[in-house]
PDB file of N, CA and C in Angstrom:
ATOM      1  N   MET A   1       0.821  -1.188   0.000  1.00  0.00           N
ATOM      2  CA  MET A   1       0.000   0.000   0.000  1.00  0.00           C
ATOM      3  C   MET A   1       0.873   1.263   0.000  1.00  0.00           C
ATOM      4  N   LEU A   2       1.867   1.295   0.892  1.00  0.00           N
ATOM      5  CA  LEU A   2       2.763   2.445   0.972  1.00  0.00           C
ATOM      6  C   LEU A   2       3.611   2.561  -0.299  1.00  0.00           C
ATOM      7  N   VAL A   3       4.034   1.440  -0.827  1.00  0.00           N
ATOM      8  CA  VAL A   3       4.848   1.423  -2.045  1.00  0.00           C
ATOM      9  C   VAL A   3       4.042   1.986  -3.214  1.00  0.00           C
ATOM     10  N   LYS A   4       2.763   1.657  -3.261  1.00  0.00           N
ATOM     11  CA  LYS A   4       1.889   2.151  -4.329  1.00  0.00           C
ATOM     12  C   LYS A   4       1.750   3.669  -4.250  1.00  0.00           C
ATOM     13  N   ARG A   5       1.583   4.201  -3.053  1.00  0.00           N
ATOM     14  CA  ARG A   5       1.466   5.652  -2.875  1.00  0.00           C
ATOM     15  C   ARG A   5       2.747   6.370  -3.289  1.00  0.00           C
ATOM     16  N   ILE A   6       3.887   5.828  -2.896  1.00  0.00           N
ATOM     17  CA  ILE A   6       5.179   6.420  -3.273  1.00  0.00           C
ATOM     18  C   ILE A   6       5.343   6.387  -4.784  1.00  0.00           C
ATOM     19  N   PHE A   7       4.934   5.283  -5.415  1.00  0.00           N
ATOM     20  CA  PHE A   7       5.012   5.157  -6.870  1.00  0.00           C
ATOM     21  C   PHE A   7       4.174   6.246  -7.545  1.00  0.00           C
ATOM     22  N   TYR A   8       2.921   6.420  -7.119  1.00  0.00           N
ATOM     23  CA  TYR A   8       2.050   7.452  -7.701  1.00  0.00           C
ATOM     24  C   TYR A   8       2.600   8.854  -7.429  1.00  0.00           C
ATOM     25  N   TYR A   9       3.152   9.055  -6.256  1.00  0.00           N
ATOM     26  CA  TYR A   9       3.753  10.355  -5.909  1.00  0.00           C
ATOM     27  C   TYR A   9       4.910  10.672  -6.858  1.00  0.00           C
ATOM     28  N   LEU A  10       5.791   9.706  -7.073  1.00  0.00           N
ATOM     29  CA  LEU A  10       6.942   9.929  -7.956  1.00  0.00           C
ATOM     30  C   LEU A  10       6.509  10.179  -9.399  1.00  0.00           C
ATOM     31  N   ILE A  11       5.457   9.499  -9.852  1.00  0.00           N
ATOM     32  CA  ILE A  11       4.944   9.761 -11.206  1.00  0.00           C
ATOM     33  C   ILE A  11       4.423  11.189 -11.295  1.00  0.00           C
ATOM     34  N   GLY A  12       3.681  11.619 -10.310  1.00  0.00           N
ATOM     35  CA  GLY A  12       3.137  12.983 -10.308  1.00  0.00           C
ATOM     36  C   GLY A  12       4.225  14.042 -10.252  1.00  0.00           C
ATOM     37  N   VAL A  13       5.220  13.833  -9.403  1.00  0.00           N
ATOM     38  CA  VAL A  13       6.321  14.786  -9.297  1.00  0.00           C
ATOM     39  C   VAL A  13       7.100  14.847 -10.613  1.00  0.00           C
ATOM     40  N   SER A  14       7.313  13.693 -11.236  1.00  0.00           N
ATOM     41  CA  SER A  14       8.052  13.653 -12.500  1.00  0.00           C
ATOM     42  C   SER A  14       7.301  14.402 -13.595  1.00  0.00           C
ATOM     43  N   LEU A  15       6.020  14.129 -13.752  1.00  0.00           N
ATOM     44  CA  LEU A  15       5.223  14.822 -14.778  1.00  0.00           C
ATOM     45  C   LEU A  15       5.145  16.326 -14.495  1.00  0.00           C
ATOM     46  N   GLY A  16       4.974  16.678 -13.245  1.00  0.00           N
ATOM     47  CA  GLY A  16       4.930  18.095 -12.882  1.00  0.00           C
ATOM     48  C   GLY A  16       6.250  18.801 -13.156  1.00  0.00           C
ATOM     49  N   SER A  17       7.342  18.138 -12.864  1.00  0.00           N
ATOM     50  CA  SER A  17       8.669  18.722 -13.108  1.00  0.00           C
ATOM     51  C   SER A  17       8.909  18.939 -14.595  1.00  0.00           C
ATOM     52  N   ILE A  18       8.511  17.976 -15.396  1.00  0.00           N
ATOM     53  CA  ILE A  18       8.671  18.118 -16.844  1.00  0.00           C
ATOM     54  C   ILE A  18       7.817  19.273 -17.354  1.00  0.00           C
ATOM     55  N   GLY A  19       6.595  19.389 -16.873  1.00  0.00           N
ATOM     56  CA  GLY A  19       5.720  20.488 -17.273  1.00  0.00           C
ATOM     57  C   GLY A  19       6.286  21.850 -16.896  1.00  0.00           C
ATOM     58  N   VAL A  20       6.779  21.974 -15.676  1.00  0.00           N
ATOM     59  CA  VAL A  20       7.365  23.235 -15.222  1.00  0.00           C
ATOM     60  C   VAL A  20       8.609  23.577 -16.025  1.00  0.00           C
ATOM     61  N   TYR A  21       9.426  22.563 -16.328  1.00  0.00           N
ATOM     62  CA  TYR A  21      10.632  22.800 -17.121  1.00  0.00           C
ATOM     63  C   TYR A  21      10.276  23.409 -18.472  1.00  0.00           C
ATOM     64  N   PHE A  22       9.315  22.828 -19.188  1.00  0.00           N
ATOM     65  CA  PHE A  22       8.947  23.356 -20.508  1.00  0.00           C
ATOM     66  C   PHE A  22       8.256  24.708 -20.397  1.00  0.00           C
ATOM     67  N   PHE A  23       7.472  24.914 -19.357  1.00  0.00           N
ATOM     68  CA  PHE A  23       6.805  26.201 -19.159  1.00  0.00           C
ATOM     69  C   PHE A  23       7.829  27.318 -18.965  1.00  0.00           C
ATOM     70  N   TRP A  24       8.818  27.107 -18.092  1.00  0.00           N
ATOM     71  CA  TRP A  24       9.827  28.135 -17.829  1.00  0.00           C
ATOM     72  C   TRP A  24      10.774  28.317 -19.001  1.00  0.00           C
ATOM     73  N   GLN A  25      11.006  27.263 -19.763  1.00  0.00           N
ATOM     74  CA  GLN A  25      11.898  27.367 -20.915  1.00  0.00           C
ATOM     75  C   GLN A  25      11.305  28.294 -21.973  1.00  0.00           C
ATOM     76  N   LYS A  26      10.003  28.241 -22.180  1.00  0.00           N
ATOM     77  CA  LYS A  26       9.360  29.108 -23.166  1.00  0.00           C
ATOM     78  C   LYS A  26       9.323  30.558 -22.719  1.00  0.00           C
ATOM     79  N   LYS A  27       9.350  30.806 -21.439  1.00  0.00           N
ATOM     80  CA  LYS A  27       9.291  32.172 -20.919  1.00  0.00           C
ATOM     81  C   LYS A  27      10.666  32.829 -20.831  1.00  0.00           C
ATOM     82  N   ASN A  28      11.738  32.094 -21.152  1.00  0.00           N
ATOM     83  CA  ASN A  28      13.114  32.599 -21.035  1.00  0.00           C
ATOM     84  C   ASN A  28      13.400  33.135 -19.635  1.00  0.00           C
ATOM     85  N   ALA A  29      12.937  32.434 -18.649  1.00  0.00           N
ATOM     86  CA  ALA A  29      13.161  32.836 -17.261  1.00  0.00           C
ATOM     87  C   ALA A  29      14.583  32.473 -16.854  1.00  0.00           C
ATOM     88  N   THR A  30      15.193  33.344 -16.066  1.00  0.00           N
ATOM     89  CA  THR A  30      16.512  33.047 -15.533  1.00  0.00           C
ATOM     90  C   THR A  30      16.413  33.022 -14.013  1.00  0.00           C
ATOM     91  N   PHE A  31      17.270  32.260 -13.407  1.00  0.00           N
ATOM     92  CA  PHE A  31      17.269  32.123 -11.962  1.00  0.00           C
ATOM     93  C   PHE A  31      18.605  32.643 -11.435  1.00  0.00           C
ATOM     94  N   ASP A  32      18.691  33.944 -11.287  1.00  0.00           N
ATOM     95  CA  ASP A  32      19.920  34.602 -10.876  1.00  0.00           C
ATOM     96  C   ASP A  32      19.871  34.856  -9.379  1.00  0.00           C
ATOM     97  N   TYR A  33      20.267  33.849  -8.616  1.00  0.00           N
ATOM     98  CA  TYR A  33      20.183  33.956  -7.162  1.00  0.00           C
ATOM     99  C   TYR A  33      21.517  34.286  -6.506  1.00  0.00           C
ATOM    100  N   GLY A  34      22.626  33.957  -7.139  1.00  0.00           N
ATOM    101  CA  GLY A  34      23.931  34.242  -6.553  1.00  0.00           C
ATOM    102  C   GLY A  34      24.287  35.711  -6.698  1.00  0.00           C
ATOM    103  N   MET A  35      25.236  36.166  -5.892  1.00  0.00           N
ATOM    104  CA  MET A  35      25.631  37.586  -5.946  1.00  0.00           C
ATOM    105  C   MET A  35      26.220  37.937  -7.297  1.00  0.00           C
ATOM    106  N   ASP A  36      27.083  37.070  -7.840  1.00  0.00           N
ATOM    107  CA  ASP A  36      27.674  37.329  -9.151  1.00  0.00           C
ATOM    108  C   ASP A  36      26.596  37.418 -10.222  1.00  0.00           C
ATOM    109  N   ALA A  37      25.676  36.459 -10.228  1.00  0.00           N
ATOM    110  CA  ALA A  37      24.641  36.403 -11.254  1.00  0.00           C
ATOM    111  C   ALA A  37      23.727  37.625 -11.193  1.00  0.00           C
ATOM    112  N   ARG A  38      23.344  38.040  -9.990  1.00  0.00           N
ATOM    113  CA  ARG A  38      22.482  39.230  -9.859  1.00  0.00           C
ATOM    114  C   ARG A  38      23.193  40.475 -10.332  1.00  0.00           C
ATOM    115  N   THR A  39      24.471  40.615  -9.964  1.00  0.00           N
ATOM    116  CA  THR A  39      25.244  41.788 -10.356  1.00  0.00           C
ATOM    117  C   THR A  39      25.406  41.841 -11.865  1.00  0.00           C
ATOM    118  N   LEU A  40      25.777  40.724 -12.470  1.00  0.00           N
ATOM    119  CA  LEU A  40      25.960  40.690 -13.921  1.00  0.00           C
ATOM    120  C   LEU A  40      24.645  40.958 -14.646  1.00  0.00           C
ATOM    121  N   LYS A  41      23.542  40.449 -14.133  1.00  0.00           N
ATOM    122  CA  LYS A  41      22.250  40.682 -14.779  1.00  0.00           C
ATOM    123  C   LYS A  41      21.869  42.150 -14.723  1.00  0.00           C
ATOM    124  N   THR A  42      22.077  42.804 -13.578  1.00  0.00           N
ATOM    125  CA  THR A  42      21.718  44.219 -13.495  1.00  0.00           C
ATOM    126  C   THR A  42      22.595  45.068 -14.408  1.00  0.00           C
ATOM    127  N   ILE A  43      23.824  44.638 -14.628  1.00  0.00           N
ATOM    128  CA  ILE A  43      24.688  45.360 -15.568  1.00  0.00           C
ATOM    129  C   ILE A  43      24.220  45.122 -16.995  1.00  0.00           C
ATOM    130  N   ARG A  44      23.854  43.887 -17.325  1.00  0.00           N
ATOM    131  CA  ARG A  44      23.439  43.545 -18.692  1.00  0.00           C
ATOM    132  C   ARG A  44      22.169  44.257 -19.117  1.00  0.00           C
ATOM    133  N   ILE A  45      21.221  44.462 -18.203  1.00  0.00           N
ATOM    134  CA  ILE A  45      19.933  45.027 -18.600  1.00  0.00           C
ATOM    135  C   ILE A  45      19.963  46.547 -18.726  1.00  0.00           C
ATOM    136  N   LYS A  46      21.015  47.191 -18.262  1.00  0.00           N
ATOM    137  CA  LYS A  46      21.119  48.640 -18.365  1.00  0.00           C
ATOM    138  C   LYS A  46      21.742  49.030 -19.703  1.00  0.00           C
ATOM    139  N   LYS A  47      21.537  50.266 -20.091  1.00  0.00           N
ATOM    140  CA  LYS A  47      22.155  50.776 -21.309  1.00  0.00           C
ATOM    141  C   LYS A  47      23.670  50.746 -21.121  1.00  0.00           C
ATOM    142  N   ARG A  48      24.371  50.146 -22.085  1.00  0.00           N
ATOM    143  CA  ARG A  48      25.814  49.954 -21.967  1.00  0.00           C
ATOM    144  C   ARG A  48      26.559  51.064 -22.698  1.00  0.00           C
ATOM    145  N   LEU A  49      27.454  51.724 -21.974  1.00  0.00           N
ATOM    146  CA  LEU A  49      28.301  52.773 -22.534  1.00  0.00           C
ATOM    147  C   LEU A  49      29.763  52.367 -22.382  1.00  0.00           C
ATOM    148  N   PHE A  50      30.635  52.964 -23.203  1.00  0.00           N
ATOM    149  CA  PHE A  50      32.059  52.678 -23.137  1.00  0.00           C
ATOM    150  C   PHE A  50      32.820  53.988 -22.967  1.00  0.00           C
ATOM    151  N   SER A  51      33.740  54.024 -22.023  1.00  0.00           N
ATOM    152  CA  SER A  51      34.577  55.210 -21.843  1.00  0.00           C
ATOM    153  C   SER A  51      35.606  55.253 -22.969  1.00  0.00           C
ATOM    154  N   ASP A  52      36.254  56.399 -23.121  1.00  0.00           N
ATOM    155  CA  ASP A  52      37.284  56.533 -24.156  1.00  0.00           C
ATOM    156  C   ASP A  52      38.445  55.583 -23.899  1.00  0.00           C
ATOM    157  N   ALA A  53      38.825  55.410 -22.630  1.00  0.00           N
ATOM    158  CA  ALA A  53      39.918  54.489 -22.291  1.00  0.00           C
ATOM    159  C   ALA A  53      39.551  53.052 -22.666  1.00  0.00           C
ATOM    160  N   ALA A  54      38.314  52.677 -22.440  1.00  0.00           N
ATOM    161  CA  ALA A  54      37.868  51.333 -22.783  1.00  0.00           C
ATOM    162  C   ALA A  54      37.866  51.136 -24.299  1.00  0.00           C
ATOM    163  N   LYS A  55      37.397  52.131 -25.025  1.00  0.00           N
ATOM    164  CA  LYS A  55      37.383  52.034 -26.494  1.00  0.00           C
ATOM    165  C   LYS A  55      38.794  51.899 -27.043  1.00  0.00           C
ATOM    166  N   THR A  56      39.723  52.660 -26.485  1.00  0.00           N
ATOM    167  CA  THR A  56      41.120  52.594 -26.928  1.00  0.00           C
ATOM    168  C   THR A  56      41.705  51.211 -26.657  1.00  0.00           C
ATOM    169  N   ALA A  57      41.484  50.677 -25.469  1.00  0.00           N
ATOM    170  CA  ALA A  57      42.000  49.353 -25.128  1.00  0.00           C
ATOM    171  C   ALA A  57      41.354  48.270 -25.994  1.00  0.00           C
ATOM    172  N   MET A  58      40.075  48.419 -26.300  1.00  0.00           N
ATOM    173  CA  MET A  58      39.401  47.444 -27.143  1.00  0.00           C
ATOM    174  C   MET A  58      40.010  47.422 -28.546  1.00  0.00           C
ATOM    175  N   LYS A  59      40.326  48.598 -29.079  1.00  0.00           N
ATOM    176  CA  LYS A  59      40.952  48.650 -30.405  1.00  0.00           C
ATOM    177  C   LYS A  59      42.365  48.086 -30.361  1.00  0.00           C
ATOM    178  N   ARG A  60      43.121  48.435 -29.336  1.00  0.00           N
ATOM    179  CA  ARG A  60      44.512  48.012 -29.232  1.00  0.00           C
ATOM    180  C   ARG A  60      44.636  46.489 -29.078  1.00  0.00           C
ATOM    181  N   TYR A  61      43.779  45.888 -28.260  1.00  0.00           N
ATOM    182  CA  TYR A  61      43.888  44.458 -27.969  1.00  0.00           C
ATOM    183  C   TYR A  61      42.879  43.594 -28.730  1.00  0.00           C
ATOM    184  N   ASP A  62      42.189  44.177 -29.698  1.00  0.00           N
ATOM    185  CA  ASP A  62      41.236  43.456 -30.540  1.00  0.00           C
ATOM    186  C   ASP A  62      40.160  42.754 -29.714  1.00  0.00           C
ATOM    187  N   VAL A  63      39.529  43.523 -28.853  1.00  0.00           N
ATOM    188  CA  VAL A  63      38.414  43.034 -28.041  1.00  0.00           C
ATOM    189  C   VAL A  63      37.147  43.674 -28.594  1.00  0.00           C
ATOM    190  N   ASP A  64      36.222  42.851 -29.059  1.00  0.00           N
ATOM    191  CA  ASP A  64      34.996  43.398 -29.616  1.00  0.00           C
ATOM    192  C   ASP A  64      33.856  43.333 -28.599  1.00  0.00           C
ATOM    193  N   SER A  65      32.711  43.887 -28.979  1.00  0.00           N
ATOM    194  CA  SER A  65      31.575  43.954 -28.055  1.00  0.00           C
ATOM    195  C   SER A  65      31.011  42.572 -27.764  1.00  0.00           C
ATOM    196  N   LEU A  66      31.223  41.600 -28.655  1.00  0.00           N
ATOM    197  CA  LEU A  66      30.765  40.241 -28.391  1.00  0.00           C
ATOM    198  C   LEU A  66      31.542  39.625 -27.227  1.00  0.00           C
ATOM    199  N   LYS A  67      32.838  39.875 -27.164  1.00  0.00           N
ATOM    200  CA  LYS A  67      33.634  39.375 -26.039  1.00  0.00           C
ATOM    201  C   LYS A  67      33.203  40.050 -24.736  1.00  0.00           C
ATOM    202  N   ILE A  68      32.912  41.344 -24.805  1.00  0.00           N
ATOM    203  CA  ILE A  68      32.428  42.067 -23.624  1.00  0.00           C
ATOM    204  C   ILE A  68      31.106  41.462 -23.156  1.00  0.00           C
ATOM    205  N   ALA A  69      30.193  41.199 -24.099  1.00  0.00           N
ATOM    206  CA  ALA A  69      28.896  40.618 -23.754  1.00  0.00           C
ATOM    207  C   ALA A  69      29.067  39.222 -23.140  1.00  0.00           C
ATOM    208  N   THR A  70      30.013  38.442 -23.670  1.00  0.00           N
ATOM    209  CA  THR A  70      30.274  37.111 -23.124  1.00  0.00           C
ATOM    210  C   THR A  70      30.787  37.204 -21.692  1.00  0.00           C
ATOM    211  N   ILE A  71      31.691  38.150 -21.445  1.00  0.00           N
ATOM    212  CA  ILE A  71      32.206  38.335 -20.082  1.00  0.00           C
ATOM    213  C   ILE A  71      31.082  38.762 -19.144  1.00  0.00           C
ATOM    214  N   LEU A  72      30.173  39.605 -19.628  1.00  0.00           N
ATOM    215  CA  LEU A  72      29.062  40.052 -18.785  1.00  0.00           C
ATOM    216  C   LEU A  72      28.019  38.957 -18.574  1.00  0.00           C
ATOM    217  N   ASN A  73      28.073  37.890 -19.375  1.00  0.00           N
ATOM    218  CA  ASN A  73      27.174  36.748 -19.174  1.00  0.00           C
ATOM    219  C   ASN A  73      27.777  35.691 -18.278  1.00  0.00           C
ATOM    220  N   THR A  74      29.060  35.409 -18.460  1.00  0.00           N
ATOM    221  CA  THR A  74      29.663  34.260 -17.768  1.00  0.00           C
ATOM    222  C   THR A  74      30.817  34.647 -16.851  1.00  0.00           C
ATOM    223  N   GLY A  75      31.080  35.931 -16.699  1.00  0.00           N
ATOM    224  CA  GLY A  75      32.232  36.371 -15.927  1.00  0.00           C
ATOM    225  C   GLY A  75      32.098  36.169 -14.435  1.00  0.00           C
ATOM    226  N   ASP A  76      33.186  36.490 -13.751  1.00  0.00           N
ATOM    227  CA  ASP A  76      33.256  36.365 -12.297  1.00  0.00           C
ATOM    228  C   ASP A  76      33.484  37.754 -11.707  1.00  0.00           C
ATOM    229  N   VAL A  77      32.620  38.170 -10.800  1.00  0.00           N
ATOM    230  CA  VAL A  77      32.718  39.492 -10.186  1.00  0.00           C
ATOM    231  C   VAL A  77      33.622  39.398  -8.960  1.00  0.00           C
ATOM    232  N   ASP A  78      34.669  40.212  -8.925  1.00  0.00           N
ATOM    233  CA  ASP A  78      35.574  40.268  -7.775  1.00  0.00           C
ATOM    234  C   ASP A  78      35.179  41.501  -6.960  1.00  0.00           C
ATOM    235  N   PHE A  79      34.402  41.281  -5.919  1.00  0.00           N
ATOM    236  CA  PHE A  79      33.884  42.391  -5.124  1.00  0.00           C
ATOM    237  C   PHE A  79      34.994  43.081  -4.329  1.00  0.00           C
ATOM    238  N   GLY A  80      36.089  42.391  -4.076  1.00  0.00           N
ATOM    239  CA  GLY A  80      37.208  42.974  -3.345  1.00  0.00           C
ATOM    240  C   GLY A  80      37.968  44.012  -4.152  1.00  0.00           C
ATOM    241  N   LYS A  81      38.042  43.825  -5.463  1.00  0.00           N
ATOM    242  CA  LYS A  81      38.767  44.769  -6.315  1.00  0.00           C
ATOM    243  C   LYS A  81      37.891  45.937  -6.754  1.00  0.00           C
ATOM    244  N   GLY A  82      36.590  45.777  -6.682  1.00  0.00           N
ATOM    245  CA  GLY A  82      35.674  46.847  -7.063  1.00  0.00           C
ATOM    246  C   GLY A  82      35.263  47.665  -5.852  1.00  0.00           C
ATOM    247  N   ASN A  83      34.283  48.509  -6.053  1.00  0.00           N
ATOM    248  CA  ASN A  83      33.745  49.326  -4.976  1.00  0.00           C
ATOM    249  C   ASN A  83      32.220  49.295  -5.092  1.00  0.00           C
ATOM    250  N   PRO A  84      31.581  48.175  -4.680  1.00  0.00           N
ATOM    251  CA  PRO A  84      30.145  48.019  -4.902  1.00  0.00           C
ATOM    252  C   PRO A  84      29.262  48.931  -4.059  1.00  0.00           C
ATOM    253  N   ARG A  85      29.794  49.527  -3.016  1.00  0.00           N
ATOM    254  CA  ARG A  85      28.977  50.401  -2.166  1.00  0.00           C
ATOM    255  C   ARG A  85      29.165  51.887  -2.486  1.00  0.00           C
ATOM    256  N   LYS A  86      29.912  52.177  -3.527  1.00  0.00           N
ATOM    257  CA  LYS A  86      30.161  53.572  -3.895  1.00  0.00           C
ATOM    258  C   LYS A  86      28.870  54.202  -4.419  1.00  0.00           C
ATOM    259  N   THR A  87      28.610  55.421  -3.974  1.00  0.00           N
ATOM    260  CA  THR A  87      27.420  56.136  -4.447  1.00  0.00           C
ATOM    261  C   THR A  87      27.848  57.312  -5.299  1.00  0.00           C
ATOM    262  N   PRO A  88      27.163  57.699  -6.280  1.00  0.00           N
ATOM    263  CA  PRO A  88      25.892  57.153  -6.759  1.00  0.00           C
ATOM    264  C   PRO A  88      26.057  55.966  -7.702  1.00  0.00           C
ATOM    265  N   CYS A  89      27.276  55.686  -8.152  1.00  0.00           N
ATOM    266  CA  CYS A  89      27.502  54.602  -9.113  1.00  0.00           C
ATOM    267  C   CYS A  89      28.489  53.580  -8.542  1.00  0.00           C
ATOM    268  N   ALA A  90      28.016  52.370  -8.387  1.00  0.00           N
ATOM    269  CA  ALA A  90      28.868  51.287  -7.872  1.00  0.00           C
ATOM    270  C   ALA A  90      29.853  50.859  -8.950  1.00  0.00           C
ATOM    271  N   GLU A  91      31.035  50.397  -8.511  1.00  0.00           N
ATOM    272  CA  GLU A  91      32.059  49.935  -9.445  1.00  0.00           C
ATOM    273  C   GLU A  91      32.312  48.450  -9.215  1.00  0.00           C
ATOM    274  N   TYR A  92      32.407  47.705 -10.306  1.00  0.00           N
ATOM    275  CA  TYR A  92      32.617  46.266 -10.238  1.00  0.00           C
ATOM    276  C   TYR A  92      33.790  45.864 -11.116  1.00  0.00           C
ATOM    277  N   TYR A  93      34.579  44.932 -10.631  1.00  0.00           N
ATOM    278  CA  TYR A  93      35.712  44.373 -11.367  1.00  0.00           C
ATOM    279  C   TYR A  93      35.301  42.970 -11.806  1.00  0.00           C
ATOM    280  N   ILE A  94      35.203  42.758 -13.104  1.00  0.00           N
ATOM    281  CA  ILE A  94      34.688  41.506 -13.648  1.00  0.00           C
ATOM    282  C   ILE A  94      35.772  40.849 -14.489  1.00  0.00           C
ATOM    283  N   THR A  95      36.020  39.576 -14.229  1.00  0.00           N
ATOM    284  CA  THR A  95      37.021  38.808 -14.959  1.00  0.00           C
ATOM    285  C   THR A  95      36.321  37.763 -15.810  1.00  0.00           C
ATOM    286  N   GLY A  96      36.795  37.583 -17.033  1.00  0.00           N
ATOM    287  CA  GLY A  96      36.215  36.593 -17.929  1.00  0.00           C
ATOM    288  C   GLY A  96      36.532  35.175 -17.497  1.00  0.00           C
ATOM    289  N   ASP A  97      35.764  34.228 -17.999  1.00  0.00           N
ATOM    290  CA  ASP A  97      35.975  32.811 -17.723  1.00  0.00           C
ATOM    291  C   ASP A  97      36.564  32.124 -18.945  1.00  0.00           C
ATOM    292  N   ASP A  98      37.152  30.968 -18.736  1.00  0.00           N
ATOM    293  CA  ASP A  98      37.656  30.086 -19.784  1.00  0.00           C
ATOM    294  C   ASP A  98      38.601  30.796 -20.737  1.00  0.00           C
ATOM    295  N   ALA A  99      38.214  30.919 -22.000  1.00  0.00           N
ATOM    296  CA  ALA A  99      39.104  31.492 -23.021  1.00  0.00           C
ATOM    297  C   ALA A  99      39.312  32.996 -22.818  1.00  0.00           C
ATOM    298  N   LEU A 100      38.434  33.639 -22.086  1.00  0.00           N
ATOM    299  CA  LEU A 100      38.523  35.091 -21.879  1.00  0.00           C
ATOM    300  C   LEU A 100      39.036  35.443 -20.490  1.00  0.00           C
ATOM    301  N   GLU A 101      39.722  34.517 -19.823  1.00  0.00           N
ATOM    302  CA  GLU A 101      40.151  34.769 -18.447  1.00  0.00           C
ATOM    303  C   GLU A 101      41.245  35.829 -18.347  1.00  0.00           C
ATOM    304  N   ASN A 102      41.883  36.174 -19.457  1.00  0.00           N
ATOM    305  CA  ASN A 102      42.918  37.210 -19.421  1.00  0.00           C
ATOM    306  C   ASN A 102      42.333  38.607 -19.596  1.00  0.00           C
ATOM    307  N   ILE A 103      41.023  38.703 -19.811  1.00  0.00           N
ATOM    308  CA  ILE A 103      40.368  40.002 -19.992  1.00  0.00           C
ATOM    309  C   ILE A 103      39.536  40.319 -18.750  1.00  0.00           C
ATOM    310  N   SER A 104      39.748  41.513 -18.213  1.00  0.00           N
ATOM    311  CA  SER A 104      38.963  41.978 -17.065  1.00  0.00           C
ATOM    312  C   SER A 104      38.332  43.313 -17.410  1.00  0.00           C
ATOM    313  N   LEU A 105      37.234  43.607 -16.769  1.00  0.00           N
ATOM    314  CA  LEU A 105      36.514  44.857 -17.001  1.00  0.00           C
ATOM    315  C   LEU A 105      36.315  45.581 -15.684  1.00  0.00           C
ATOM    316  N   LEU A 106      36.420  46.895 -15.734  1.00  0.00           N
ATOM    317  CA  LEU A 106      36.011  47.731 -14.616  1.00  0.00           C
ATOM    318  C   LEU A 106      34.744  48.433 -15.075  1.00  0.00           C
ATOM    319  N   VAL A 107      33.630  48.115 -14.418  1.00  0.00           N
ATOM    320  CA  VAL A 107      32.315  48.594 -14.836  1.00  0.00           C
ATOM    321  C   VAL A 107      31.742  49.499 -13.758  1.00  0.00           C
ATOM    322  N   LYS A 108      31.226  50.639 -14.179  1.00  0.00           N
ATOM    323  CA  LYS A 108      30.551  51.563 -13.267  1.00  0.00           C
ATOM    324  C   LYS A 108      29.056  51.454 -13.547  1.00  0.00           C
ATOM    325  N   ARG A 109      28.289  50.969 -12.547  1.00  0.00           N
ATOM    326  CA  ARG A 109      26.848  50.778 -12.703  1.00  0.00           C
ATOM    327  C   ARG A 109      26.093  51.898 -12.010  1.00  0.00           C
ATOM    328  N   CYS A 110      25.387  52.666 -12.802  1.00  0.00           N
ATOM    329  CA  CYS A 110      24.555  53.753 -12.271  1.00  0.00           C
ATOM    330  C   CYS A 110      23.084  53.338 -12.366  1.00  0.00           C
ATOM    331  N   ASP A 111      22.173  54.297 -12.108  1.00  0.00           N
ATOM    332  CA  ASP A 111      20.744  53.979 -12.107  1.00  0.00           C
ATOM    333  C   ASP A 111      20.246  53.454 -13.445  1.00  0.00           C
ATOM    334  N   SER A 112      20.623  54.114 -14.540  1.00  0.00           N
ATOM    335  CA  SER A 112      20.080  53.714 -15.838  1.00  0.00           C
ATOM    336  C   SER A 112      21.146  53.262 -16.828  1.00  0.00           C
ATOM    337  N   THR A 113      22.414  53.380 -16.481  1.00  0.00           N
ATOM    338  CA  THR A 113      23.488  53.010 -17.412  1.00  0.00           C
ATOM    339  C   THR A 113      24.552  52.157 -16.720  1.00  0.00           C
ATOM    340  N   ALA A 114      25.265  51.415 -17.541  1.00  0.00           N
ATOM    341  CA  ALA A 114      26.432  50.673 -17.084  1.00  0.00           C
ATOM    342  C   ALA A 114      27.565  51.063 -18.011  1.00  0.00           C
ATOM    343  N   THR A 115      28.600  51.690 -17.476  1.00  0.00           N
ATOM    344  CA  THR A 115      29.706  52.178 -18.278  1.00  0.00           C
ATOM    345  C   THR A 115      30.924  51.278 -18.088  1.00  0.00           C
ATOM    346  N   ILE A 116      31.441  50.768 -19.194  1.00  0.00           N
ATOM    347  CA  ILE A 116      32.680  50.000 -19.153  1.00  0.00           C
ATOM    348  C   ILE A 116      33.793  51.030 -19.068  1.00  0.00           C
ATOM    349  N   GLU A 117      34.383  51.191 -17.896  1.00  0.00           N
ATOM    350  CA  GLU A 117      35.405  52.217 -17.677  1.00  0.00           C
ATOM    351  C   GLU A 117      36.768  51.788 -18.214  1.00  0.00           C
ATOM    352  N   LYS A 118      37.145  50.539 -17.935  1.00  0.00           N
ATOM    353  CA  LYS A 118      38.463  50.039 -18.359  1.00  0.00           C
ATOM    354  C   LYS A 118      38.331  48.613 -18.868  1.00  0.00           C
ATOM    355  N   VAL A 119      39.132  48.300 -19.878  1.00  0.00           N
ATOM    356  CA  VAL A 119      39.301  46.927 -20.339  1.00  0.00           C
ATOM    357  C   VAL A 119      40.748  46.589 -20.036  1.00  0.00           C
ATOM    358  N   ILE A 120      40.955  45.607 -19.171  1.00  0.00           N
ATOM    359  CA  ILE A 120      42.291  45.278 -18.667  1.00  0.00           C
ATOM    360  C   ILE A 120      42.691  43.917 -19.238  1.00  0.00           C
ATOM    361  N   ILE A 121      43.818  43.872 -19.926  1.00  0.00           N
ATOM    362  CA  ILE A 121      44.348  42.631 -20.474  1.00  0.00           C
ATOM    363  C   ILE A 121      45.533  42.206 -19.614  1.00  0.00           C
ATOM    364  N   GLU A 122      45.477  41.001 -19.091  1.00  0.00           N
ATOM    365  CA  GLU A 122      46.553  40.506 -18.203  1.00  0.00           C
ATOM    366  C   GLU A 122      47.357  39.428 -18.898  1.00  0.00           C
TER     367      GLU A 122
END
C-alpha cells in the first residue's frame, strides 16, 4: 500500500517537473540567485556605454563587443577589487571565464546606465 502511494507520488512529481521545465523554458526565465549572477544581470539590462579608455583598449587588444557581452554573461565578479557600495555609481571588477580569463573589465553601474570604464588585459 505504501509502495503504491510512493510510486504514484513519484509519477506525479516527475510529470509536474517536466511540465514546469517546458513552461519556464518558453518564458526565457533566468534564476539569478547568486551575488555574481544578480550583479551581472543588473549590468546587462542597463544601457551599456564605453569610456574613451575602454574604447582605446578594445581597439589596441582586438576586443569586440561580443567578447564584452560574453564576459558580462559568464564572468566572475571580484567584489574585493571593485567598490560596490560607492554612491551614486557602484564599481565592479569583472574577470572573464575560460578562453577570456585574461580580460577583465572595470564597470561603473549607475541607475540607468552601465559604463565599461576600463578593459584590462593581463
